[in-house]
Amino acid sequence: MNEVIPFNPSPNDMARQVNMLAEDTSRIILKNHTKQRMRQRNITMKHVVECLRQGTCAGGDWPHQNPQGEWVCNMVRCVAGLDVQVATRVIWDEKIIVVTVF
């Protein structure tokens, strides 16, 4: 019997997955909370998409898996002179759920 090897993406693996998924904006889901924070913090959809397409996964404890099986990470990028962080939940190979921005 073969040994099961757990999937544990590195920050670079996670960033590549998010970057790839973000190429199709229909795979980016914004929560109502996210939209409120975007307005409050003057972060546009263009900022969010650029961060997801070109950003990197923040280090530390990222990425990790939540109890629902979604991968969680903060993507970071300087966009138009603004340091943007996008907190995400990722359903691998399917979609990105944007939790909040700061």
PDB file of N, CA and C in Angstrom:
ATOM      1  N   MET A   1       0.843  -1.179   0.000  1.00  0.00           N
ATOM      2  CA  MET A   1       0.000   0.000   0.000  1.00  0.00           C
ATOM      3  C   MET A   1       0.891   1.245   0.000  1.00  0.00           C
ATOM      4  N   ASN A   2       0.510   2.252  -0.781  1.00  0.00           N
ATOM      5  CA  ASN A   2       1.276   3.490  -0.870  1.00  0.00           C
ATOM      6  C   ASN A   2       1.020   4.373   0.334  1.00  0.00           C
ATOM      7  N   GLU A   3       2.049   5.083   0.728  1.00  0.00           N
ATOM      8  CA  GLU A   3       1.931   6.024   1.836  1.00  0.00           C
ATOM      9  C   GLU A   3       1.269   7.306   1.335  1.00  0.00           C
ATOM     10  N   VAL A   4       0.334   7.844   2.107  1.00  0.00           N
ATOM     11  CA  VAL A   4      -0.315   9.097   1.766  1.00  0.00           C
ATOM     12  C   VAL A   4       0.601  10.237   2.201  1.00  0.00           C
ATOM     13  N   ILE A   5       0.905  11.117   1.259  1.00  0.00           N
ATOM     14  CA  ILE A   5       1.764  12.264   1.553  1.00  0.00           C
ATOM     15  C   ILE A   5       0.869  13.481   1.706  1.00  0.00           C
ATOM     16  N   PRO A   6       0.904  14.140   2.868  1.00  0.00           N
ATOM     17  CA  PRO A   6       0.034  15.298   3.068  1.00  0.00           C
ATOM     18  C   PRO A   6       0.438  16.462   2.161  1.00  0.00           C
ATOM     19  N   PHE A   7      -0.557  17.170   1.683  1.00  0.00           N
ATOM     20  CA  PHE A   7      -0.338  18.344   0.848  1.00  0.00           C
ATOM     21  C   PHE A   7      -0.174  19.542   1.766  1.00  0.00           C
ATOM     22  N   ASN A   8       0.950  20.187   1.697  1.00  0.00           N
ATOM     23  CA  ASN A   8       1.222  21.344   2.537  1.00  0.00           C
ATOM     24  C   ASN A   8       1.971  22.374   1.693  1.00  0.00           C
ATOM     25  N   PRO A   9       1.235  23.260   1.002  1.00  0.00           N
ATOM     26  CA  PRO A   9       1.890  24.187   0.085  1.00  0.00           C
ATOM     27  C   PRO A   9       2.779  25.190   0.818  1.00  0.00           C
ATOM     28  N   SER A  10       3.884  25.528   0.186  1.00  0.00           N
ATOM     29  CA  SER A  10       4.761  26.587   0.695  1.00  0.00           C
ATOM     30  C   SER A  10       4.125  27.938   0.368  1.00  0.00           C
ATOM     31  N   PRO A  11       4.619  29.026   0.964  1.00  0.00           N
ATOM     32  CA  PRO A  11       4.108  30.347   0.579  1.00  0.00           C
ATOM     33  C   PRO A  11       4.230  30.599  -0.929  1.00  0.00           C
ATOM     34  N   ASN A  12       5.314  30.134  -1.553  1.00  0.00           N
ATOM     35  CA  ASN A  12       5.469  30.314  -3.005  1.00  0.00           C
ATOM     36  C   ASN A  12       4.437  29.506  -3.781  1.00  0.00           C
ATOM     37  N   ASP A  13       4.168  28.271  -3.341  1.00  0.00           N
ATOM     38  CA  ASP A  13       3.141  27.446  -3.984  1.00  0.00           C
ATOM     39  C   ASP A  13       1.779  28.132  -3.885  1.00  0.00           C
ATOM     40  N   MET A  14       1.495  28.658  -2.710  1.00  0.00           N
ATOM     41  CA  MET A  14       0.208  29.322  -2.480  1.00  0.00           C
ATOM     42  C   MET A  14       0.084  30.558  -3.362  1.00  0.00           C
ATOM     43  N   ALA A  15       1.144  31.349  -3.426  1.00  0.00           N
ATOM     44  CA  ALA A  15       1.113  32.556  -4.256  1.00  0.00           C
ATOM     45  C   ALA A  15       0.872  32.194  -5.721  1.00  0.00           C
ATOM     46  N   ARG A  16       1.543  31.162  -6.215  1.00  0.00           N
ATOM     47  CA  ARG A  16       1.340  30.744  -7.605  1.00  0.00           C
ATOM     48  C   ARG A  16      -0.108  30.319  -7.850  1.00  0.00           C
ATOM     49  N   GLN A  17      -0.706  29.603  -6.897  1.00  0.00           N
ATOM     50  CA  GLN A  17      -2.097  29.167  -7.040  1.00  0.00           C
ATOM     51  C   GLN A  17      -3.034  30.376  -7.078  1.00  0.00           C
ATOM     52  N   VAL A  18      -2.841  31.319  -6.161  1.00  0.00           N
ATOM     53  CA  VAL A  18      -3.682  32.524  -6.131  1.00  0.00           C
ATOM     54  C   VAL A  18      -3.470  33.340  -7.398  1.00  0.00           C
ATOM     55  N   ASN A  19      -2.208  33.551  -7.791  1.00  0.00           N
ATOM     56  CA  ASN A  19      -1.913  34.315  -9.012  1.00  0.00           C
ATOM     57  C   ASN A  19      -2.634  33.708 -10.214  1.00  0.00           C
ATOM     58  N   MET A  20      -2.593  32.378 -10.337  1.00  0.00           N
ATOM     59  CA  MET A  20      -3.216  31.689 -11.458  1.00  0.00           C
ATOM     60  C   MET A  20      -4.749  31.811 -11.414  1.00  0.00           C
ATOM     61  N   LEU A  21      -5.331  31.575 -10.252  1.00  0.00           N
ATOM     62  CA  LEU A  21      -6.786  31.680 -10.133  1.00  0.00           C
ATOM     63  C   LEU A  21      -7.278  33.093 -10.432  1.00  0.00           C
ATOM     64  N   ALA A  22      -6.510  34.109 -10.016  1.00  0.00           N
ATOM     65  CA  ALA A  22      -6.929  35.504 -10.175  1.00  0.00           C
ATOM     66  C   ALA A  22      -6.909  35.970 -11.626  1.00  0.00           C
ATOM     67  N   GLU A  23      -6.281  35.202 -12.504  1.00  0.00           N
ATOM     68  CA  GLU A  23      -6.301  35.568 -13.929  1.00  0.00           C
ATOM     69  C   GLU A  23      -7.722  35.574 -14.473  1.00  0.00           C
ATOM     70  N   ASP A  24      -8.594  34.786 -13.884  1.00  0.00           N
ATOM     71  CA  ASP A  24     -10.013  34.749 -14.261  1.00  0.00           C
ATOM     72  C   ASP A  24     -10.785  35.430 -13.134  1.00  0.00           C
ATOM     73  N   THR A  25     -11.187  36.675 -13.344  1.00  0.00           N
ATOM     74  CA  THR A  25     -11.823  37.433 -12.265  1.00  0.00           C
ATOM     75  C   THR A  25     -13.142  36.817 -11.793  1.00  0.00           C
ATOM     76  N   SER A  26     -13.738  35.936 -12.592  1.00  0.00           N
ATOM     77  CA  SER A  26     -14.974  35.285 -12.132  1.00  0.00           C
ATOM     78  C   SER A  26     -14.687  34.319 -10.982  1.00  0.00           C
ATOM     79  N   ARG A  27     -13.430  34.011 -10.741  1.00  0.00           N
ATOM     80  CA  ARG A  27     -13.046  33.125  -9.637  1.00  0.00           C
ATOM     81  C   ARG A  27     -12.761  33.896  -8.345  1.00  0.00           C
ATOM     82  N   ILE A  28     -12.876  35.223  -8.397  1.00  0.00           N
ATOM     83  CA  ILE A  28     -12.630  36.056  -7.217  1.00  0.00           C
ATOM     84  C   ILE A  28     -13.978  36.432  -6.613  1.00  0.00           C
ATOM     85  N   ILE A  29     -14.210  36.008  -5.383  1.00  0.00           N
ATOM     86  CA  ILE A  29     -15.476  36.265  -4.692  1.00  0.00           C
ATOM     87  C   ILE A  29     -15.224  37.290  -3.586  1.00  0.00           C
ATOM     88  N   LEU A  30     -15.981  38.396  -3.610  1.00  0.00           N
ATOM     89  CA  LEU A  30     -15.870  39.425  -2.570  1.00  0.00           C
ATOM     90  C   LEU A  30     -17.044  39.307  -1.606  1.00  0.00           C
ATOM     91  N   LYS A  31     -16.754  39.257  -0.333  1.00  0.00           N
ATOM     92  CA  LYS A  31     -17.790  39.256   0.695  1.00  0.00           C
ATOM     93  C   LYS A  31     -18.273  40.699   0.894  1.00  0.00           C
ATOM     94  N   ASN A  32     -19.470  40.870   1.462  1.00  0.00           N
ATOM     95  CA  ASN A  32     -19.977  42.218   1.738  1.00  0.00           C
ATOM     96  C   ASN A  32     -19.032  42.974   2.667  1.00  0.00           C
ATOM     97  N   HIS A  33     -18.493  42.278   3.659  1.00  0.00           N
ATOM     98  CA  HIS A  33     -17.529  42.887   4.576  1.00  0.00           C
ATOM     99  C   HIS A  33     -16.328  43.438   3.811  1.00  0.00           C
ATOM    100  N   THR A  34     -15.869  42.684   2.815  1.00  0.00           N
ATOM    101  CA  THR A  34     -14.726  43.106   2.008  1.00  0.00           C
ATOM    102  C   THR A  34     -15.045  44.397   1.279  1.00  0.00           C
ATOM    103  N   LYS A  35     -16.209  44.468   0.685  1.00  0.00           N
ATOM    104  CA  LYS A  35     -16.604  45.664  -0.066  1.00  0.00           C
ATOM    105  C   LYS A  35     -16.657  46.888   0.852  1.00  0.00           C
ATOM    106  N   GLN A  36     -17.160  46.706   2.079  1.00  0.00           N
ATOM    107  CA  GLN A  36     -17.188  47.811   3.045  1.00  0.00           C
ATOM    108  C   GLN A  36     -15.771  48.289   3.366  1.00  0.00           C
ATOM    109  N   ARG A  37     -14.871  47.349   3.625  1.00  0.00           N
ATOM    110  CA  ARG A  37     -13.492  47.702   3.959  1.00  0.00           C
ATOM    111  C   ARG A  37     -12.785  48.360   2.774  1.00  0.00           C
ATOM    112  N   MET A  38     -13.100  47.906   1.570  1.00  0.00           N
ATOM    113  CA  MET A  38     -12.506  48.530   0.382  1.00  0.00           C
ATOM    114  C   MET A  38     -12.902  50.001   0.306  1.00  0.00           C
ATOM    115  N   ARG A  39     -14.186  50.289   0.537  1.00  0.00           N
ATOM    116  CA  ARG A  39     -14.646  51.689   0.517  1.00  0.00           C
ATOM    117  C   ARG A  39     -13.984  52.493   1.625  1.00  0.00           C
ATOM    118  N   GLN A  40     -13.952  51.951   2.844  1.00  0.00           N
ATOM    119  CA  GLN A  40     -13.365  52.651   3.986  1.00  0.00           C
ATOM    120  C   GLN A  40     -11.884  52.943   3.795  1.00  0.00           C
ATOM    121  N   ARG A  41     -11.176  52.031   3.120  1.00  0.00           N
ATOM    122  CA  ARG A  41      -9.716  52.130   3.008  1.00  0.00           C
ATOM    123  C   ARG A  41      -9.258  52.603   1.633  1.00  0.00           C
ATOM    124  N   ASN A  42     -10.209  53.049   0.807  1.00  0.00           N
ATOM    125  CA  ASN A  42      -9.900  53.547  -0.534  1.00  0.00           C
ATOM    126  C   ASN A  42      -9.083  52.551  -1.358  1.00  0.00           C
ATOM    127  N   ILE A  43      -9.480  51.296  -1.272  1.00  0.00           N
ATOM    128  CA  ILE A  43      -8.850  50.238  -2.058  1.00  0.00           C
ATOM    129  C   ILE A  43      -9.844  49.839  -3.134  1.00  0.00           C
ATOM    130  N   THR A  44      -9.397  49.891  -4.378  1.00  0.00           N
ATOM    131  CA  THR A  44     -10.278  49.594  -5.506  1.00  0.00           C
ATOM    132  C   THR A  44     -10.183  48.120  -5.904  1.00  0.00           C
ATOM    133  N   MET A  45     -11.109  47.709  -6.763  1.00  0.00           N
ATOM    134  CA  MET A  45     -11.062  46.347  -7.290  1.00  0.00           C
ATOM    135  C   MET A  45      -9.776  46.139  -8.067  1.00  0.00           C
ATOM    136  N   LYS A  46      -9.315  47.170  -8.753  1.00  0.00           N
ATOM    137  CA  LYS A  46      -8.055  47.078  -9.497  1.00  0.00           C
ATOM    138  C   LYS A  46      -6.894  46.769  -8.549  1.00  0.00           C
ATOM    139  N   HIS A  47      -6.860  47.421  -7.373  1.00  0.00           N
ATOM    140  CA  HIS A  47      -5.837  47.127  -6.364  1.00  0.00           C
ATOM    141  C   HIS A  47      -5.898  45.659  -5.941  1.00  0.00           C
ATOM    142  N   VAL A  48      -7.109  45.190  -5.660  1.00  0.00           N
ATOM    143  CA  VAL A  48      -7.294  43.811  -5.187  1.00  0.00           C
ATOM    144  C   VAL A  48      -6.839  42.820  -6.251  1.00  0.00           C
ATOM    145  N   VAL A  49      -7.285  43.007  -7.479  1.00  0.00           N
ATOM    146  CA  VAL A  49      -6.934  42.082  -8.555  1.00  0.00           C
ATOM    147  C   VAL A  49      -5.431  42.083  -8.794  1.00  0.00           C
ATOM    148  N   GLU A  50      -4.819  43.240  -8.818  1.00  0.00           N
ATOM    149  CA  GLU A  50      -3.365  43.322  -9.018  1.00  0.00           C
ATOM    150  C   GLU A  50      -2.619  42.607  -7.899  1.00  0.00           C
ATOM    151  N   CYS A  51      -3.062  42.795  -6.664  1.00  0.00           N
ATOM    152  CA  CYS A  51      -2.435  42.117  -5.526  1.00  0.00           C
ATOM    153  C   CYS A  51      -2.577  40.607  -5.664  1.00  0.00           C
ATOM    154  N   LEU A  52      -3.742  40.133  -6.060  1.00  0.00           N
ATOM    155  CA  LEU A  52      -3.954  38.696  -6.206  1.00  0.00           C
ATOM    156  C   LEU A  52      -3.182  38.115  -7.386  1.00  0.00           C
ATOM    157  N   ARG A  53      -3.074  38.876  -8.473  1.00  0.00           N
ATOM    158  CA  ARG A  53      -2.391  38.369  -9.670  1.00  0.00           C
ATOM    159  C   ARG A  53      -0.870  38.431  -9.574  1.00  0.00           C
ATOM    160  N   GLN A  54      -0.359  39.437  -8.872  1.00  0.00           N
ATOM    161  CA  GLN A  54       1.090  39.658  -8.864  1.00  0.00           C
ATOM    162  C   GLN A  54       1.721  39.576  -7.479  1.00  0.00           C
ATOM    163  N   GLY A  55       0.897  39.459  -6.440  1.00  0.00           N
ATOM    164  CA  GLY A  55       1.401  39.509  -5.071  1.00  0.00           C
ATOM    165  C   GLY A  55       2.063  38.225  -4.612  1.00  0.00           C
ATOM    166  N   THR A  56       2.570  38.301  -3.389  1.00  0.00           N
ATOM    167  CA  THR A  56       3.191  37.151  -2.742  1.00  0.00           C
ATOM    168  C   THR A  56       2.419  36.821  -1.477  1.00  0.00           C
ATOM    169  N   CYS A  57       2.590  35.603  -1.030  1.00  0.00           N
ATOM    170  CA  CYS A  57       1.945  35.146   0.202  1.00  0.00           C
ATOM    171  C   CYS A  57       2.799  35.603   1.380  1.00  0.00           C
ATOM    172  N   ALA A  58       2.185  36.274   2.338  1.00  0.00           N
ATOM    173  CA  ALA A  58       2.909  36.730   3.526  1.00  0.00           C
ATOM    174  C   ALA A  58       3.509  35.531   4.251  1.00  0.00           C
ATOM    175  N   GLY A  59       4.644  35.721   4.856  1.00  0.00           N
ATOM    176  CA  GLY A  59       5.329  34.631   5.559  1.00  0.00           C
ATOM    177  C   GLY A  59       4.681  34.297   6.887  1.00  0.00           C
ATOM    178  N   GLY A  60       5.471  33.803   7.798  1.00  0.00           N
ATOM    179  CA  GLY A  60       4.957  33.436   9.123  1.00  0.00           C
ATOM    180  C   GLY A  60       4.204  32.127   9.081  1.00  0.00           C
ATOM    181  N   ASP A  61       2.995  32.124   9.620  1.00  0.00           N
ATOM    182  CA  ASP A  61       2.169  30.910   9.677  1.00  0.00           C
ATOM    183  C   ASP A  61       1.371  30.680   8.395  1.00  0.00           C
ATOM    184  N   TRP A  62       1.635  31.429   7.363  1.00  0.00           N
ATOM    185  CA  TRP A  62       0.879  31.317   6.112  1.00  0.00           C
ATOM    186  C   TRP A  62       1.604  30.392   5.165  1.00  0.00           C
ATOM    187  N   PRO A  63       0.934  29.694   4.310  1.00  0.00           N
ATOM    188  CA  PRO A  63      -0.501  29.440   4.351  1.00  0.00           C
ATOM    189  C   PRO A  63      -0.832  28.339   5.354  1.00  0.00           C
ATOM    190  N   HIS A  64      -2.080  28.280   5.723  1.00  0.00           N
ATOM    191  CA  HIS A  64      -2.540  27.172   6.561  1.00  0.00           C
ATOM    192  C   HIS A  64      -3.969  26.811   6.151  1.00  0.00           C
ATOM    193  N   GLN A  65      -4.409  25.662   6.603  1.00  0.00           N
ATOM    194  CA  GLN A  65      -5.728  25.181   6.235  1.00  0.00           C
ATOM    195  C   GLN A  65      -6.693  25.399   7.385  1.00  0.00           C
ATOM    196  N   ASN A  66      -7.880  25.939   7.073  1.00  0.00           N
ATOM    197  CA  ASN A  66      -8.894  26.137   8.106  1.00  0.00           C
ATOM    198  C   ASN A  66      -9.703  24.855   8.283  1.00  0.00           C
ATOM    199  N   PRO A  67     -10.570  24.795   9.303  1.00  0.00           N
ATOM    200  CA  PRO A  67     -11.337  23.564   9.544  1.00  0.00           C
ATOM    201  C   PRO A  67     -12.251  23.143   8.386  1.00  0.00           C
ATOM    202  N   GLN A  68     -12.613  24.082   7.520  1.00  0.00           N
ATOM    203  CA  GLN A  68     -13.468  23.757   6.378  1.00  0.00           C
ATOM    204  C   GLN A  68     -12.663  23.201   5.196  1.00  0.00           C
ATOM    205  N   GLY A  69     -11.337  23.133   5.347  1.00  0.00           N
ATOM    206  CA  GLY A  69     -10.502  22.598   4.279  1.00  0.00           C
ATOM    207  C   GLY A  69     -10.028  23.635   3.284  1.00  0.00           C
ATOM    208  N   GLU A  70     -10.327  24.900   3.536  1.00  0.00           N
ATOM    209  CA  GLU A  70      -9.880  25.971   2.656  1.00  0.00           C
ATOM    210  C   GLU A  70      -8.471  26.410   3.075  1.00  0.00           C
ATOM    211  N   TRP A  71      -7.666  26.791   2.099  1.00  0.00           N
ATOM    212  CA  TRP A  71      -6.339  27.314   2.390  1.00  0.00           C
ATOM    213  C   TRP A  71      -6.449  28.805   2.622  1.00  0.00           C
ATOM    214  N   VAL A  72      -5.782  29.297   3.660  1.00  0.00           N
ATOM    215  CA  VAL A  72      -5.889  30.682   4.085  1.00  0.00           C
ATOM    216  C   VAL A  72      -4.519  31.338   3.985  1.00  0.00           C
ATOM    217  N   CYS A  73      -4.500  32.541   3.397  1.00  0.00           N
ATOM    218  CA  CYS A  73      -3.247  33.308   3.365  1.00  0.00           C
ATOM    219  C   CYS A  73      -3.555  34.777   3.138  1.00  0.00           C
ATOM    220  N   ASN A  74      -2.587  35.607   3.443  1.00  0.00           N
ATOM    221  CA  ASN A  74      -2.641  37.027   3.121  1.00  0.00           C
ATOM    222  C   ASN A  74      -1.716  37.264   1.945  1.00  0.00           C
ATOM    223  N   MET A  75      -2.260  37.830   0.888  1.00  0.00           N
ATOM    224  CA  MET A  75      -1.458  38.209  -0.267  1.00  0.00           C
ATOM    225  C   MET A  75      -1.058  39.669  -0.092  1.00  0.00           C
ATOM    226  N   VAL A  76       0.167  39.984  -0.444  1.00  0.00           N
ATOM    227  CA  VAL A  76       0.674  41.345  -0.265  1.00  0.00           C
ATOM    228  C   VAL A  76       1.313  41.845  -1.560  1.00  0.00           C
ATOM    229  N   ARG A  77       1.162  43.161  -1.806  1.00  0.00           N
ATOM    230  CA  ARG A  77       1.781  43.781  -2.975  1.00  0.00           C
ATOM    231  C   ARG A  77       1.631  45.286  -2.848  1.00  0.00           C
ATOM    232  N   CYS A  78       2.620  45.998  -3.338  1.00  0.00           N
ATOM    233  CA  CYS A  78       2.531  47.450  -3.454  1.00  0.00           C
ATOM    234  C   CYS A  78       1.888  47.730  -4.810  1.00  0.00           C
ATOM    235  N   VAL A  79       0.734  48.384  -4.789  1.00  0.00           N
ATOM    236  CA  VAL A  79      -0.018  48.683  -6.009  1.00  0.00           C
ATOM    237  C   VAL A  79      -0.227  50.182  -6.079  1.00  0.00           C
ATOM    238  N   ALA A  80       0.289  50.805  -7.128  1.00  0.00           N
ATOM    239  CA  ALA A  80       0.151  52.252  -7.338  1.00  0.00           C
ATOM    240  C   ALA A  80       0.596  53.037  -6.103  1.00  0.00           C
ATOM    241  N   GLY A  81       1.684  52.593  -5.487  1.00  0.00           N
ATOM    242  CA  GLY A  81       2.242  53.278  -4.322  1.00  0.00           C
ATOM    243  C   GLY A  81       1.555  52.962  -3.013  1.00  0.00           C
ATOM    244  N   LEU A  82       0.566  52.087  -3.025  1.00  0.00           N
ATOM    245  CA  LEU A  82      -0.177  51.724  -1.823  1.00  0.00           C
ATOM    246  C   LEU A  82       0.143  50.277  -1.453  1.00  0.00           C
ATOM    247  N   ASP A  83       0.574  50.049  -0.209  1.00  0.00           N
ATOM    248  CA  ASP A  83       0.805  48.685   0.262  1.00  0.00           C
ATOM    249  C   ASP A  83      -0.549  48.045   0.535  1.00  0.00           C
ATOM    250  N   VAL A  84      -0.847  46.997  -0.205  1.00  0.00           N
ATOM    251  CA  VAL A  84      -2.153  46.338  -0.122  1.00  0.00           C
ATOM    252  C   VAL A  84      -1.964  44.922   0.404  1.00  0.00           C
ATOM    253  N   GLN A  85      -2.822  44.529   1.348  1.00  0.00           N
ATOM    254  CA  GLN A  85      -2.897  43.143   1.801  1.00  0.00           C
ATOM    255  C   GLN A  85      -4.319  42.657   1.585  1.00  0.00           C
ATOM    256  N   VAL A  86      -4.413  41.466   1.037  1.00  0.00           N
ATOM    257  CA  VAL A  86      -5.713  40.862   0.770  1.00  0.00           C
ATOM    258  C   VAL A  86      -5.762  39.525   1.508  1.00  0.00           C
ATOM    259  N   ALA A  87      -6.640  39.440   2.499  1.00  0.00           N
ATOM    260  CA  ALA A  87      -6.820  38.198   3.253  1.00  0.00           C
ATOM    261  C   ALA A  87      -7.727  37.290   2.438  1.00  0.00           C
ATOM    262  N   THR A  88      -7.248  36.066   2.171  1.00  0.00           N
ATOM    263  CA  THR A  88      -7.986  35.172   1.280  1.00  0.00           C
ATOM    264  C   THR A  88      -8.249  33.811   1.908  1.00  0.00           C
ATOM    265  N   ARG A  89      -9.312  33.186   1.421  1.00  0.00           N
ATOM    266  CA  ARG A  89      -9.564  31.761   1.621  1.00  0.00           C
ATOM    267  C   ARG A  89      -9.590  31.181   0.214  1.00  0.00           C
ATOM    268  N   VAL A  90      -8.860  30.097  -0.002  1.00  0.00           N
ATOM    269  CA  VAL A  90      -8.729  29.550  -1.344  1.00  0.00           C
ATOM    270  C   VAL A  90      -9.252  28.124  -1.375  1.00  0.00           C
ATOM    271  N   ILE A  91     -10.169  27.882  -2.289  1.00  0.00           N
ATOM    272  CA  ILE A  91     -10.598  26.521  -2.595  1.00  0.00           C
ATOM    273  C   ILE A  91      -9.686  26.108  -3.751  1.00  0.00           C
ATOM    274  N   TRP A  92      -8.768  25.217  -3.470  1.00  0.00           N
ATOM    275  CA  TRP A  92      -7.682  24.878  -4.405  1.00  0.00           C
ATOM    276  C   TRP A  92      -8.227  24.554  -5.790  1.00  0.00           C
ATOM    277  N   ASP A  93      -7.640  25.173  -6.801  1.00  0.00           N
ATOM    278  CA  ASP A  93      -7.992  24.993  -8.217  1.00  0.00           C
ATOM    279  C   ASP A  93      -9.412  25.444  -8.555  1.00  0.00           C
ATOM    280  N   GLU A  94     -10.080  26.146  -7.641  1.00  0.00           N
ATOM    281  CA  GLU A  94     -11.458  26.564  -7.923  1.00  0.00           C
ATOM    282  C   GLU A  94     -11.688  28.061  -7.815  1.00  0.00           C
ATOM    283  N   LYS A  95     -11.492  28.627  -6.609  1.00  0.00           N
ATOM    284  CA  LYS A  95     -11.826  30.047  -6.437  1.00  0.00           C
ATOM    285  C   LYS A  95     -11.090  30.646  -5.245  1.00  0.00           C
ATOM    286  N   ILE A  96     -11.124  31.977  -5.227  1.00  0.00           N
ATOM    287  CA  ILE A  96     -10.545  32.777  -4.144  1.00  0.00           C
ATOM    288  C   ILE A  96     -11.682  33.533  -3.479  1.00  0.00           C
ATOM    289  N   ILE A  97     -11.802  33.407  -2.176  1.00  0.00           N
ATOM    290  CA  ILE A  97     -12.783  34.187  -1.418  1.00  0.00           C
ATOM    291  C   ILE A  97     -11.997  35.260  -0.677  1.00  0.00           C
ATOM    292  N   VAL A  98     -12.281  36.523  -0.997  1.00  0.00           N
ATOM    293  CA  VAL A  98     -11.580  37.624  -0.357  1.00  0.00           C
ATOM    294  C   VAL A  98     -12.315  37.956   0.941  1.00  0.00           C
ATOM    295  N   VAL A  99     -11.630  37.785   2.057  1.00  0.00           N
ATOM    296  CA  VAL A  99     -12.232  37.963   3.378  1.00  0.00           C
ATOM    297  C   VAL A  99     -12.221  39.430   3.772  1.00  0.00           C
ATOM    298  N   THR A 100     -11.066  40.092   3.588  1.00  0.00           N
ATOM    299  CA  THR A 100     -10.952  41.512   3.892  1.00  0.00           C
ATOM    300  C   THR A 100      -9.708  42.062   3.213  1.00  0.00           C
ATOM    301  N   VAL A 101      -9.587  43.373   3.220  1.00  0.00           N
ATOM    302  CA  VAL A 101      -8.411  44.049   2.651  1.00  0.00           C
ATOM    303  C   VAL A 101      -7.923  45.081   3.648  1.00  0.00           C
ATOM    304  N   PHE A 102      -6.631  45.318   3.631  1.00  0.00           N
ATOM    305  CA  PHE A 102      -6.045  46.368   4.476  1.00  0.00           C
ATOM    306  C   PHE A 102      -4.736  46.803   3.896  1.00  0.00           C
TER     307      PHE A 102
END
